[in-house]
């Protein structure tokens, strides 16, 4: 990992961005493994607005060496502070399609890692909360945000509430907020 000499502003901005980021929605299918995954677009959607709101941006550059192909991801703050990491993947087949696939894969995982976001159906956040925290009801401001996203996305409110096992948006659990917001943001075109 490489970084600017100071990272104070970058760290504060990333902390604020992460407080509002949801997870990347698993909206792509891998028929070979019969699984779903969050593609690069989902990762970008999850971080775009929180990054913008907090003066953060990123760049990714394809790189290669004797170990494989990958990317250098640089996270930047408007103060000029930055953080950078390389991520390489081995490639068995040496052709443009294999290289392109490896770069896209590397971009997705590197960006998700540097932003610190999970996939939307990751239960890690819920698993970490115990006792009263696990049953805390969503804050009023977050409930209003979910309501506006429901309206903007045109989502089926009954299905949405059934999925989150809530009678209304106001009674949703706080631990479900990030996942709910990320899911709805992905539906907004």
N, C-alpha and C. Protein backbone atom coordinates (compact mmCIF):
# COMPACT_ATOMS: atom_id res chain seq x y z
N UNK A 1 0.84 -1.17 0.00
CA UNK A 1 0.00 0.00 0.00
C UNK A 1 0.89 1.24 0.00
N UNK A 2 0.47 2.21 -0.77
CA UNK A 2 1.16 3.50 -0.81
C UNK A 2 0.14 4.57 -0.44
N UNK A 3 0.65 5.70 0.10
CA UNK A 3 -0.27 6.78 0.46
C UNK A 3 0.47 8.11 0.49
N UNK A 4 -0.33 9.18 0.53
CA UNK A 4 0.23 10.50 0.72
C UNK A 4 0.80 10.56 2.14
N UNK A 5 1.62 11.57 2.40
CA UNK A 5 2.23 11.67 3.72
C UNK A 5 1.18 11.78 4.82
N UNK A 6 0.18 12.60 4.60
CA UNK A 6 -0.92 12.74 5.56
C UNK A 6 -2.17 12.09 4.98
N UNK A 7 -3.00 11.50 5.85
CA UNK A 7 -4.26 10.92 5.38
C UNK A 7 -5.42 11.33 6.28
N UNK A 8 -5.23 12.39 7.08
CA UNK A 8 -6.25 12.82 8.03
C UNK A 8 -7.58 13.16 7.35
N UNK A 9 -7.55 14.02 6.34
CA UNK A 9 -8.77 14.43 5.65
C UNK A 9 -9.41 13.27 4.90
N UNK A 10 -8.57 12.47 4.26
CA UNK A 10 -9.06 11.31 3.53
C UNK A 10 -9.76 10.33 4.48
N UNK A 11 -9.15 10.07 5.63
CA UNK A 11 -9.72 9.14 6.60
C UNK A 11 -11.07 9.65 7.12
N UNK A 12 -11.16 10.95 7.41
CA UNK A 12 -12.42 11.52 7.90
C UNK A 12 -13.50 11.44 6.83
N UNK A 13 -13.13 11.75 5.59
CA UNK A 13 -14.11 11.70 4.49
C UNK A 13 -14.57 10.28 4.23
N UNK A 14 -13.65 9.32 4.25
CA UNK A 14 -14.01 7.93 4.01
C UNK A 14 -14.91 7.41 5.14
N UNK A 15 -14.63 7.82 6.35
CA UNK A 15 -15.48 7.44 7.48
C UNK A 15 -16.91 7.96 7.27
N UNK A 16 -17.03 9.20 6.87
CA UNK A 16 -18.36 9.78 6.62
C UNK A 16 -19.05 9.10 5.45
N UNK A 17 -18.31 8.81 4.40
CA UNK A 17 -18.89 8.14 3.23
C UNK A 17 -19.36 6.74 3.61
N UNK A 18 -18.56 6.01 4.37
CA UNK A 18 -18.92 4.65 4.75
C UNK A 18 -20.16 4.62 5.65
N UNK A 19 -20.40 5.68 6.38
CA UNK A 19 -21.58 5.74 7.25
C UNK A 19 -22.87 5.78 6.43
N UNK A 20 -22.78 6.24 5.18
CA UNK A 20 -23.98 6.34 4.35
C UNK A 20 -24.03 5.32 3.22
N UNK A 21 -22.94 4.59 3.00
CA UNK A 21 -22.89 3.62 1.91
C UNK A 21 -23.64 2.35 2.26
N UNK A 22 -24.37 1.87 1.28
CA UNK A 22 -24.96 0.54 1.42
C UNK A 22 -24.01 -0.45 0.79
N UNK A 23 -24.45 -1.67 0.70
CA UNK A 23 -23.64 -2.69 0.05
C UNK A 23 -23.86 -2.67 -1.45
N UNK A 24 -22.99 -3.35 -2.16
CA UNK A 24 -23.15 -3.51 -3.60
C UNK A 24 -24.18 -4.62 -3.83
N UNK A 25 -25.18 -4.34 -4.64
CA UNK A 25 -26.28 -5.27 -4.86
C UNK A 25 -25.84 -6.41 -5.78
N UNK A 26 -26.13 -7.63 -5.36
CA UNK A 26 -25.82 -8.81 -6.18
C UNK A 26 -26.90 -8.93 -7.25
N UNK A 27 -26.66 -8.27 -8.39
CA UNK A 27 -27.68 -8.24 -9.44
C UNK A 27 -27.25 -8.90 -10.74
N UNK A 28 -26.12 -9.58 -10.72
CA UNK A 28 -25.66 -10.30 -11.91
C UNK A 28 -25.58 -11.79 -11.59
N UNK A 29 -25.79 -12.60 -12.62
CA UNK A 29 -25.80 -14.05 -12.42
C UNK A 29 -24.59 -14.71 -13.04
N UNK A 30 -24.09 -15.73 -12.37
CA UNK A 30 -23.02 -16.56 -12.89
C UNK A 30 -23.62 -17.96 -13.11
N UNK A 31 -24.06 -18.25 -14.34
CA UNK A 31 -24.74 -19.53 -14.57
C UNK A 31 -23.83 -20.74 -14.36
N UNK A 32 -22.53 -20.57 -14.53
CA UNK A 32 -21.60 -21.68 -14.36
C UNK A 32 -21.60 -22.18 -12.91
N UNK A 33 -21.60 -21.22 -11.97
CA UNK A 33 -21.60 -21.58 -10.55
C UNK A 33 -22.99 -21.50 -9.92
N UNK A 34 -23.99 -21.15 -10.73
CA UNK A 34 -25.37 -21.00 -10.24
C UNK A 34 -25.41 -20.08 -9.03
N UNK A 35 -24.81 -18.91 -9.20
CA UNK A 35 -24.75 -17.95 -8.10
C UNK A 35 -24.95 -16.54 -8.65
N UNK A 36 -25.12 -15.59 -7.75
CA UNK A 36 -25.22 -14.20 -8.15
C UNK A 36 -24.05 -13.43 -7.55
N UNK A 37 -23.77 -12.29 -8.14
CA UNK A 37 -22.66 -11.47 -7.65
C UNK A 37 -22.93 -10.00 -7.94
N UNK A 38 -22.26 -9.14 -7.22
CA UNK A 38 -22.34 -7.71 -7.45
C UNK A 38 -21.32 -7.36 -8.53
N UNK A 39 -21.79 -6.89 -9.68
CA UNK A 39 -20.86 -6.56 -10.75
C UNK A 39 -20.23 -5.19 -10.50
N UNK A 40 -19.32 -4.79 -11.37
CA UNK A 40 -18.60 -3.53 -11.20
C UNK A 40 -19.55 -2.35 -11.15
N UNK A 41 -20.60 -2.37 -11.97
CA UNK A 41 -21.57 -1.27 -11.97
C UNK A 41 -22.26 -1.16 -10.61
N UNK A 42 -22.61 -2.28 -9.99
CA UNK A 42 -23.23 -2.25 -8.67
C UNK A 42 -22.31 -1.66 -7.62
N UNK A 43 -21.03 -2.00 -7.70
CA UNK A 43 -20.06 -1.45 -6.76
C UNK A 43 -19.96 0.07 -6.94
N UNK A 44 -19.88 0.51 -8.19
CA UNK A 44 -19.79 1.95 -8.47
C UNK A 44 -21.04 2.68 -7.99
N UNK A 45 -22.23 2.09 -8.24
CA UNK A 45 -23.47 2.72 -7.77
C UNK A 45 -23.49 2.85 -6.25
N UNK A 46 -22.97 1.87 -5.55
CA UNK A 46 -22.99 1.89 -4.08
C UNK A 46 -22.11 3.00 -3.51
N UNK A 47 -21.02 3.34 -4.20
CA UNK A 47 -20.08 4.33 -3.65
C UNK A 47 -20.21 5.72 -4.26
N UNK A 48 -20.81 5.82 -5.44
CA UNK A 48 -20.78 7.07 -6.21
C UNK A 48 -21.24 8.30 -5.42
N UNK A 49 -22.46 8.28 -4.91
CA UNK A 49 -22.98 9.45 -4.20
C UNK A 49 -22.27 9.70 -2.87
N UNK A 50 -22.05 8.67 -2.04
CA UNK A 50 -21.31 8.93 -0.80
C UNK A 50 -19.89 9.48 -1.05
N UNK A 51 -19.24 8.99 -2.10
CA UNK A 51 -17.92 9.53 -2.44
C UNK A 51 -18.04 10.99 -2.84
N UNK A 52 -18.97 11.30 -3.73
CA UNK A 52 -19.15 12.67 -4.21
C UNK A 52 -19.47 13.61 -3.05
N UNK A 53 -20.36 13.18 -2.18
CA UNK A 53 -20.78 14.01 -1.03
C UNK A 53 -19.64 14.30 -0.06
N UNK A 54 -18.59 13.49 -0.09
CA UNK A 54 -17.50 13.63 0.87
C UNK A 54 -16.15 13.98 0.24
N UNK A 55 -16.18 14.44 -1.01
CA UNK A 55 -14.95 14.88 -1.66
C UNK A 55 -13.99 13.76 -2.01
N UNK A 56 -14.52 12.57 -2.24
CA UNK A 56 -13.70 11.41 -2.58
C UNK A 56 -13.85 11.05 -4.05
N UNK A 57 -12.81 10.53 -4.63
CA UNK A 57 -12.85 10.01 -6.00
C UNK A 57 -11.83 8.88 -6.09
N UNK A 58 -11.83 8.20 -7.22
CA UNK A 58 -10.88 7.10 -7.41
C UNK A 58 -10.49 7.01 -8.87
N UNK A 59 -9.36 6.38 -9.11
CA UNK A 59 -8.95 6.01 -10.46
C UNK A 59 -8.42 4.59 -10.39
N UNK A 60 -8.51 3.89 -11.52
CA UNK A 60 -7.98 2.53 -11.60
C UNK A 60 -7.24 2.39 -12.92
N UNK A 61 -6.03 1.85 -12.83
CA UNK A 61 -5.18 1.67 -14.01
C UNK A 61 -4.83 0.20 -14.18
N UNK A 62 -5.00 -0.34 -15.39
CA UNK A 62 -4.58 -1.73 -15.63
C UNK A 62 -3.06 -1.83 -15.52
N UNK A 63 -2.59 -2.92 -14.92
CA UNK A 63 -1.16 -3.19 -14.79
C UNK A 63 -0.92 -4.68 -14.99
N UNK A 64 0.31 -5.01 -15.31
CA UNK A 64 0.67 -6.43 -15.42
C UNK A 64 2.12 -6.60 -15.00
N UNK A 65 2.42 -7.81 -14.56
CA UNK A 65 3.79 -8.17 -14.24
C UNK A 65 3.93 -9.67 -14.43
N UNK A 66 5.03 -10.24 -13.98
CA UNK A 66 5.27 -11.67 -14.17
C UNK A 66 4.27 -12.55 -13.41
N UNK A 67 3.55 -11.96 -12.44
CA UNK A 67 2.59 -12.72 -11.63
C UNK A 67 1.18 -12.71 -12.22
N UNK A 68 0.88 -11.77 -13.12
CA UNK A 68 -0.45 -11.71 -13.70
C UNK A 68 -0.83 -10.32 -14.15
N UNK A 69 -2.12 -10.09 -14.13
CA UNK A 69 -2.67 -8.82 -14.60
C UNK A 69 -3.62 -8.30 -13.53
N UNK A 70 -3.77 -6.99 -13.44
CA UNK A 70 -4.64 -6.43 -12.42
C UNK A 70 -4.80 -4.94 -12.55
N UNK A 71 -4.96 -4.28 -11.42
CA UNK A 71 -5.17 -2.84 -11.40
C UNK A 71 -4.43 -2.20 -10.23
N UNK A 72 -4.16 -0.93 -10.40
CA UNK A 72 -3.76 -0.07 -9.29
C UNK A 72 -4.96 0.81 -9.04
N UNK A 73 -5.48 0.78 -7.82
CA UNK A 73 -6.63 1.61 -7.46
C UNK A 73 -6.14 2.70 -6.53
N UNK A 74 -6.44 3.94 -6.90
CA UNK A 74 -6.06 5.09 -6.08
C UNK A 74 -7.33 5.79 -5.60
N UNK A 75 -7.45 5.90 -4.28
CA UNK A 75 -8.53 6.63 -3.63
C UNK A 75 -8.00 8.02 -3.32
N UNK A 76 -8.74 9.06 -3.72
CA UNK A 76 -8.25 10.43 -3.56
C UNK A 76 -9.28 11.29 -2.82
N UNK A 77 -8.78 12.31 -2.15
CA UNK A 77 -9.62 13.29 -1.47
C UNK A 77 -9.32 14.66 -2.05
N UNK A 78 -10.29 15.56 -2.00
CA UNK A 78 -10.11 16.90 -2.57
C UNK A 78 -8.97 17.67 -1.91
N UNK A 79 -8.52 17.24 -0.74
CA UNK A 79 -7.39 17.88 -0.06
C UNK A 79 -6.07 17.54 -0.74
N UNK A 80 -6.09 16.56 -1.64
CA UNK A 80 -4.86 16.09 -2.28
C UNK A 80 -4.32 14.82 -1.65
N UNK A 81 -4.90 14.39 -0.55
CA UNK A 81 -4.46 13.14 0.09
C UNK A 81 -4.95 11.95 -0.72
N UNK A 82 -4.18 10.87 -0.66
CA UNK A 82 -4.51 9.69 -1.46
C UNK A 82 -4.02 8.41 -0.81
N UNK A 83 -4.59 7.30 -1.26
CA UNK A 83 -4.25 5.96 -0.80
C UNK A 83 -4.30 5.06 -2.04
N UNK A 84 -3.33 4.17 -2.18
CA UNK A 84 -3.22 3.38 -3.40
C UNK A 84 -2.80 1.95 -3.09
N UNK A 85 -3.36 1.01 -3.84
CA UNK A 85 -3.00 -0.40 -3.68
C UNK A 85 -3.05 -1.11 -5.03
N UNK A 86 -2.14 -2.04 -5.24
CA UNK A 86 -2.13 -2.88 -6.44
C UNK A 86 -2.85 -4.19 -6.14
N UNK A 87 -3.50 -4.75 -7.14
CA UNK A 87 -4.19 -6.03 -6.99
C UNK A 87 -3.99 -6.81 -8.29
N UNK A 88 -3.32 -7.95 -8.19
CA UNK A 88 -3.00 -8.78 -9.36
C UNK A 88 -3.74 -10.11 -9.31
N UNK A 89 -4.09 -10.62 -10.48
CA UNK A 89 -4.69 -11.93 -10.62
C UNK A 89 -3.87 -12.74 -11.62
N UNK A 90 -3.67 -14.01 -11.34
CA UNK A 90 -2.97 -14.84 -12.34
C UNK A 90 -3.91 -15.09 -13.52
N UNK A 91 -3.36 -15.14 -14.72
CA UNK A 91 -4.18 -15.50 -15.87
C UNK A 91 -3.54 -16.70 -16.55
N UNK A 92 -4.37 -17.67 -16.85
CA UNK A 92 -3.90 -18.89 -17.46
C UNK A 92 -3.80 -18.71 -18.97
N UNK A 93 -4.85 -18.14 -19.54
CA UNK A 93 -4.92 -17.94 -20.98
C UNK A 93 -4.43 -16.52 -21.30
N UNK A 94 -3.53 -16.41 -22.21
CA UNK A 94 -2.98 -15.09 -22.57
C UNK A 94 -3.59 -14.59 -23.87
N UNK A 95 -4.79 -14.01 -23.74
CA UNK A 95 -5.43 -13.37 -24.89
C UNK A 95 -6.20 -12.15 -24.39
N UNK A 96 -6.63 -11.27 -25.31
CA UNK A 96 -7.30 -10.03 -24.89
C UNK A 96 -8.56 -10.25 -24.05
N UNK A 97 -9.35 -11.28 -24.36
CA UNK A 97 -10.58 -11.52 -23.60
C UNK A 97 -10.26 -11.92 -22.16
N UNK A 98 -9.30 -12.80 -21.97
CA UNK A 98 -8.91 -13.21 -20.63
C UNK A 98 -8.35 -12.02 -19.85
N UNK A 99 -7.56 -11.19 -20.52
CA UNK A 99 -7.00 -10.01 -19.86
C UNK A 99 -8.10 -9.04 -19.46
N UNK A 100 -9.05 -8.81 -20.37
CA UNK A 100 -10.16 -7.91 -20.07
C UNK A 100 -11.00 -8.40 -18.91
N UNK A 101 -11.28 -9.69 -18.89
CA UNK A 101 -12.06 -10.28 -17.80
C UNK A 101 -11.32 -10.13 -16.47
N UNK A 102 -10.03 -10.40 -16.48
CA UNK A 102 -9.22 -10.29 -15.25
C UNK A 102 -9.18 -8.84 -14.75
N UNK A 103 -9.06 -7.90 -15.67
CA UNK A 103 -9.02 -6.48 -15.27
C UNK A 103 -10.35 -6.07 -14.66
N UNK A 104 -11.46 -6.46 -15.28
CA UNK A 104 -12.78 -6.12 -14.74
C UNK A 104 -12.97 -6.73 -13.35
N UNK A 105 -12.60 -7.98 -13.21
CA UNK A 105 -12.70 -8.68 -11.93
C UNK A 105 -11.84 -7.96 -10.88
N UNK A 106 -10.62 -7.63 -11.26
CA UNK A 106 -9.71 -6.94 -10.34
C UNK A 106 -10.25 -5.57 -9.96
N UNK A 107 -10.80 -4.84 -10.94
CA UNK A 107 -11.37 -3.52 -10.64
C UNK A 107 -12.49 -3.64 -9.62
N UNK A 108 -13.37 -4.61 -9.81
CA UNK A 108 -14.52 -4.78 -8.92
C UNK A 108 -14.07 -5.06 -7.49
N UNK A 109 -13.20 -6.04 -7.32
CA UNK A 109 -12.78 -6.40 -5.97
C UNK A 109 -11.88 -5.35 -5.33
N UNK A 110 -11.03 -4.74 -6.10
CA UNK A 110 -10.15 -3.70 -5.54
C UNK A 110 -10.96 -2.48 -5.09
N UNK A 111 -11.93 -2.07 -5.91
CA UNK A 111 -12.75 -0.91 -5.57
C UNK A 111 -13.64 -1.20 -4.36
N UNK A 112 -14.22 -2.39 -4.34
CA UNK A 112 -15.06 -2.78 -3.21
C UNK A 112 -14.21 -2.82 -1.93
N UNK A 113 -13.00 -3.29 -2.03
CA UNK A 113 -12.12 -3.38 -0.86
C UNK A 113 -11.66 -2.02 -0.38
N UNK A 114 -11.25 -1.16 -1.29
CA UNK A 114 -10.72 0.14 -0.86
C UNK A 114 -11.83 1.02 -0.29
N UNK A 115 -13.07 0.82 -0.77
CA UNK A 115 -14.21 1.59 -0.26
C UNK A 115 -14.75 0.98 1.04
N UNK A 116 -14.45 -0.31 1.26
CA UNK A 116 -14.88 -0.98 2.48
C UNK A 116 -16.36 -1.35 2.47
N UNK A 117 -16.88 -1.76 1.30
CA UNK A 117 -18.30 -2.11 1.24
C UNK A 117 -18.51 -3.60 1.05
N UNK A 118 -19.56 -4.13 1.66
CA UNK A 118 -19.90 -5.55 1.46
C UNK A 118 -20.87 -5.68 0.29
N UNK A 119 -21.19 -6.89 -0.09
CA UNK A 119 -22.29 -7.09 -1.02
C UNK A 119 -23.57 -6.96 -0.21
N UNK A 120 -24.66 -6.58 -0.86
CA UNK A 120 -25.89 -6.22 -0.15
C UNK A 120 -26.51 -7.35 0.65
N UNK A 121 -26.28 -8.60 0.28
CA UNK A 121 -26.89 -9.67 1.05
C UNK A 121 -25.93 -10.27 2.07
N UNK A 122 -24.86 -9.55 2.33
CA UNK A 122 -23.90 -9.98 3.32
C UNK A 122 -24.49 -9.76 4.72
N UNK A 123 -24.53 -10.80 5.51
CA UNK A 123 -25.11 -10.70 6.84
C UNK A 123 -24.09 -10.27 7.90
N UNK A 124 -22.91 -9.90 7.49
CA UNK A 124 -21.85 -9.56 8.45
C UNK A 124 -22.27 -8.43 9.37
N UNK A 125 -22.89 -7.39 8.82
CA UNK A 125 -23.29 -6.26 9.66
C UNK A 125 -24.32 -6.70 10.69
N UNK A 126 -25.31 -7.44 10.26
CA UNK A 126 -26.34 -7.90 11.19
C UNK A 126 -25.75 -8.85 12.22
N UNK A 127 -24.81 -9.68 11.81
CA UNK A 127 -24.22 -10.66 12.72
C UNK A 127 -23.39 -9.98 13.80
N UNK A 128 -22.82 -8.82 13.51
CA UNK A 128 -21.99 -8.12 14.49
C UNK A 128 -22.83 -7.44 15.56
N UNK A 129 -24.10 -7.13 15.25
CA UNK A 129 -24.94 -6.44 16.22
C UNK A 129 -25.60 -7.45 17.13
N UNK A 130 -25.58 -7.15 18.40
CA UNK A 130 -26.15 -8.08 19.37
C UNK A 130 -27.06 -7.33 20.32
N UNK A 131 -27.89 -8.05 21.02
CA UNK A 131 -28.74 -7.46 22.06
C UNK A 131 -29.69 -6.42 21.50
N UNK A 132 -29.81 -5.29 22.20
CA UNK A 132 -30.76 -4.25 21.83
C UNK A 132 -30.45 -3.65 20.46
N UNK A 133 -29.16 -3.55 20.09
CA UNK A 133 -28.79 -2.96 18.80
C UNK A 133 -29.43 -3.71 17.64
N UNK A 134 -29.55 -5.01 17.75
CA UNK A 134 -30.10 -5.83 16.67
C UNK A 134 -31.58 -5.57 16.45
N UNK A 135 -32.28 -5.04 17.46
CA UNK A 135 -33.72 -4.78 17.36
C UNK A 135 -34.05 -3.30 17.27
N UNK A 136 -33.04 -2.45 17.11
CA UNK A 136 -33.26 -1.00 17.05
C UNK A 136 -34.02 -0.64 15.78
N UNK A 137 -35.03 0.20 15.91
CA UNK A 137 -35.84 0.64 14.77
C UNK A 137 -35.10 1.75 14.02
N UNK A 138 -35.32 1.81 12.74
CA UNK A 138 -34.68 2.79 11.86
C UNK A 138 -34.94 4.21 12.34
N UNK A 139 -33.95 5.08 12.21
CA UNK A 139 -34.09 6.48 12.59
C UNK A 139 -35.07 7.17 11.63
N UNK A 140 -35.74 8.19 12.11
CA UNK A 140 -36.76 8.88 11.31
C UNK A 140 -36.19 9.42 9.99
N UNK A 141 -34.99 10.00 10.03
CA UNK A 141 -34.39 10.56 8.81
C UNK A 141 -34.08 9.45 7.79
N UNK A 142 -33.65 8.30 8.28
CA UNK A 142 -33.35 7.19 7.38
C UNK A 142 -34.65 6.58 6.83
N UNK A 143 -35.69 6.56 7.64
CA UNK A 143 -37.00 6.08 7.16
C UNK A 143 -37.51 6.98 6.04
N UNK A 144 -37.34 8.28 6.21
CA UNK A 144 -37.76 9.23 5.16
C UNK A 144 -36.97 9.02 3.88
N UNK A 145 -35.68 8.74 4.03
CA UNK A 145 -34.83 8.48 2.87
C UNK A 145 -35.32 7.23 2.13
N UNK A 146 -35.63 6.17 2.87
CA UNK A 146 -36.13 4.94 2.26
C UNK A 146 -37.46 5.21 1.55
N UNK A 147 -38.32 5.98 2.17
CA UNK A 147 -39.62 6.29 1.55
C UNK A 147 -39.43 7.02 0.22
N UNK A 148 -38.49 7.97 0.20
CA UNK A 148 -38.26 8.71 -1.06
C UNK A 148 -37.64 7.80 -2.12
N UNK A 149 -36.76 6.87 -1.70
CA UNK A 149 -36.19 5.93 -2.65
C UNK A 149 -37.24 4.96 -3.17
N UNK A 150 -38.17 4.55 -2.32
CA UNK A 150 -39.27 3.68 -2.77
C UNK A 150 -40.08 4.38 -3.84
N UNK A 151 -40.39 5.63 -3.61
CA UNK A 151 -41.18 6.40 -4.59
C UNK A 151 -40.39 6.59 -5.88
N UNK A 152 -39.14 6.98 -5.75
CA UNK A 152 -38.30 7.25 -6.92
C UNK A 152 -38.06 6.00 -7.75
N UNK A 153 -37.91 4.86 -7.10
CA UNK A 153 -37.60 3.62 -7.82
C UNK A 153 -38.83 2.92 -8.38
N UNK A 154 -40.01 3.28 -7.84
CA UNK A 154 -41.23 2.61 -8.27
C UNK A 154 -41.33 1.18 -7.76
N UNK A 155 -40.59 0.86 -6.71
CA UNK A 155 -40.59 -0.49 -6.15
C UNK A 155 -41.95 -0.82 -5.55
N UNK A 156 -42.26 -2.09 -5.52
CA UNK A 156 -43.48 -2.59 -4.90
C UNK A 156 -43.29 -2.53 -3.38
N UNK A 157 -43.98 -1.60 -2.73
CA UNK A 157 -43.79 -1.35 -1.31
C UNK A 157 -44.15 -2.58 -0.47
N UNK A 158 -45.23 -3.26 -0.82
CA UNK A 158 -45.63 -4.45 -0.04
C UNK A 158 -44.55 -5.52 -0.10
N UNK A 159 -44.02 -5.77 -1.29
CA UNK A 159 -42.96 -6.79 -1.43
C UNK A 159 -41.71 -6.35 -0.68
N UNK A 160 -41.38 -5.08 -0.79
CA UNK A 160 -40.21 -4.52 -0.10
C UNK A 160 -40.33 -4.74 1.41
N UNK A 161 -41.48 -4.37 1.97
CA UNK A 161 -41.69 -4.51 3.41
C UNK A 161 -41.70 -5.98 3.82
N UNK A 162 -42.30 -6.83 2.99
CA UNK A 162 -42.32 -8.26 3.30
C UNK A 162 -40.89 -8.81 3.32
N UNK A 163 -40.06 -8.38 2.37
CA UNK A 163 -38.69 -8.85 2.31
C UNK A 163 -37.92 -8.48 3.58
N UNK A 164 -38.15 -7.26 4.06
CA UNK A 164 -37.45 -6.79 5.26
C UNK A 164 -38.23 -7.09 6.54
N UNK A 165 -39.31 -7.85 6.43
CA UNK A 165 -40.11 -8.30 7.58
C UNK A 165 -40.52 -7.12 8.46
N UNK A 166 -41.08 -6.09 7.80
CA UNK A 166 -41.52 -4.90 8.51
C UNK A 166 -42.96 -4.58 8.13
N UNK A 167 -43.71 -4.01 9.07
CA UNK A 167 -45.10 -3.62 8.80
C UNK A 167 -45.15 -2.30 8.05
N UNK A 168 -44.14 -1.46 8.29
CA UNK A 168 -44.04 -0.18 7.61
C UNK A 168 -42.57 0.21 7.56
N UNK A 169 -42.25 1.22 6.75
CA UNK A 169 -40.86 1.70 6.68
C UNK A 169 -40.42 2.20 8.05
N UNK A 170 -41.31 2.83 8.78
CA UNK A 170 -40.98 3.38 10.10
C UNK A 170 -40.65 2.31 11.14
N UNK A 171 -41.07 1.06 10.88
CA UNK A 171 -40.78 -0.02 11.84
C UNK A 171 -39.66 -0.95 11.36
N UNK A 172 -39.01 -0.59 10.25
CA UNK A 172 -37.88 -1.39 9.78
C UNK A 172 -36.76 -1.36 10.81
N UNK A 173 -35.94 -2.40 10.81
CA UNK A 173 -34.81 -2.44 11.73
C UNK A 173 -33.67 -1.58 11.18
N UNK A 174 -32.97 -0.92 12.07
CA UNK A 174 -31.86 -0.06 11.68
C UNK A 174 -30.77 -0.85 10.95
N UNK A 175 -30.57 -2.11 11.33
CA UNK A 175 -29.52 -2.92 10.68
C UNK A 175 -29.83 -3.19 9.21
N UNK A 176 -31.08 -3.00 8.80
CA UNK A 176 -31.46 -3.25 7.40
C UNK A 176 -31.34 -2.01 6.52
N UNK A 177 -31.07 -0.85 7.10
CA UNK A 177 -31.07 0.39 6.34
C UNK A 177 -30.11 0.37 5.15
N UNK A 178 -28.83 0.06 5.38
CA UNK A 178 -27.84 0.12 4.28
C UNK A 178 -28.21 -0.81 3.14
N UNK A 179 -28.63 -2.01 3.47
CA UNK A 179 -29.00 -2.98 2.44
C UNK A 179 -30.24 -2.51 1.69
N UNK A 180 -31.23 -1.99 2.40
CA UNK A 180 -32.45 -1.50 1.77
C UNK A 180 -32.15 -0.32 0.85
N UNK A 181 -31.37 0.62 1.33
CA UNK A 181 -31.03 1.80 0.53
C UNK A 181 -30.25 1.40 -0.71
N UNK A 182 -29.28 0.50 -0.57
CA UNK A 182 -28.48 0.06 -1.72
C UNK A 182 -29.35 -0.64 -2.75
N UNK A 183 -30.27 -1.47 -2.30
CA UNK A 183 -31.16 -2.19 -3.20
C UNK A 183 -32.03 -1.21 -3.98
N UNK A 184 -32.58 -0.23 -3.30
CA UNK A 184 -33.45 0.74 -3.97
C UNK A 184 -32.66 1.67 -4.90
N UNK A 185 -31.47 2.08 -4.47
CA UNK A 185 -30.65 2.94 -5.32
C UNK A 185 -30.29 2.25 -6.62
N UNK A 186 -30.09 0.94 -6.56
CA UNK A 186 -29.76 0.17 -7.77
C UNK A 186 -30.92 0.16 -8.75
N UNK A 187 -32.15 0.29 -8.24
CA UNK A 187 -33.34 0.28 -9.10
C UNK A 187 -33.58 1.62 -9.74
N UNK A 188 -33.05 2.69 -9.15
CA UNK A 188 -33.25 4.04 -9.69
C UNK A 188 -32.40 4.19 -10.94
N UNK A 189 -33.02 4.56 -12.01
CA UNK A 189 -32.28 4.65 -13.29
C UNK A 189 -31.70 6.01 -13.47
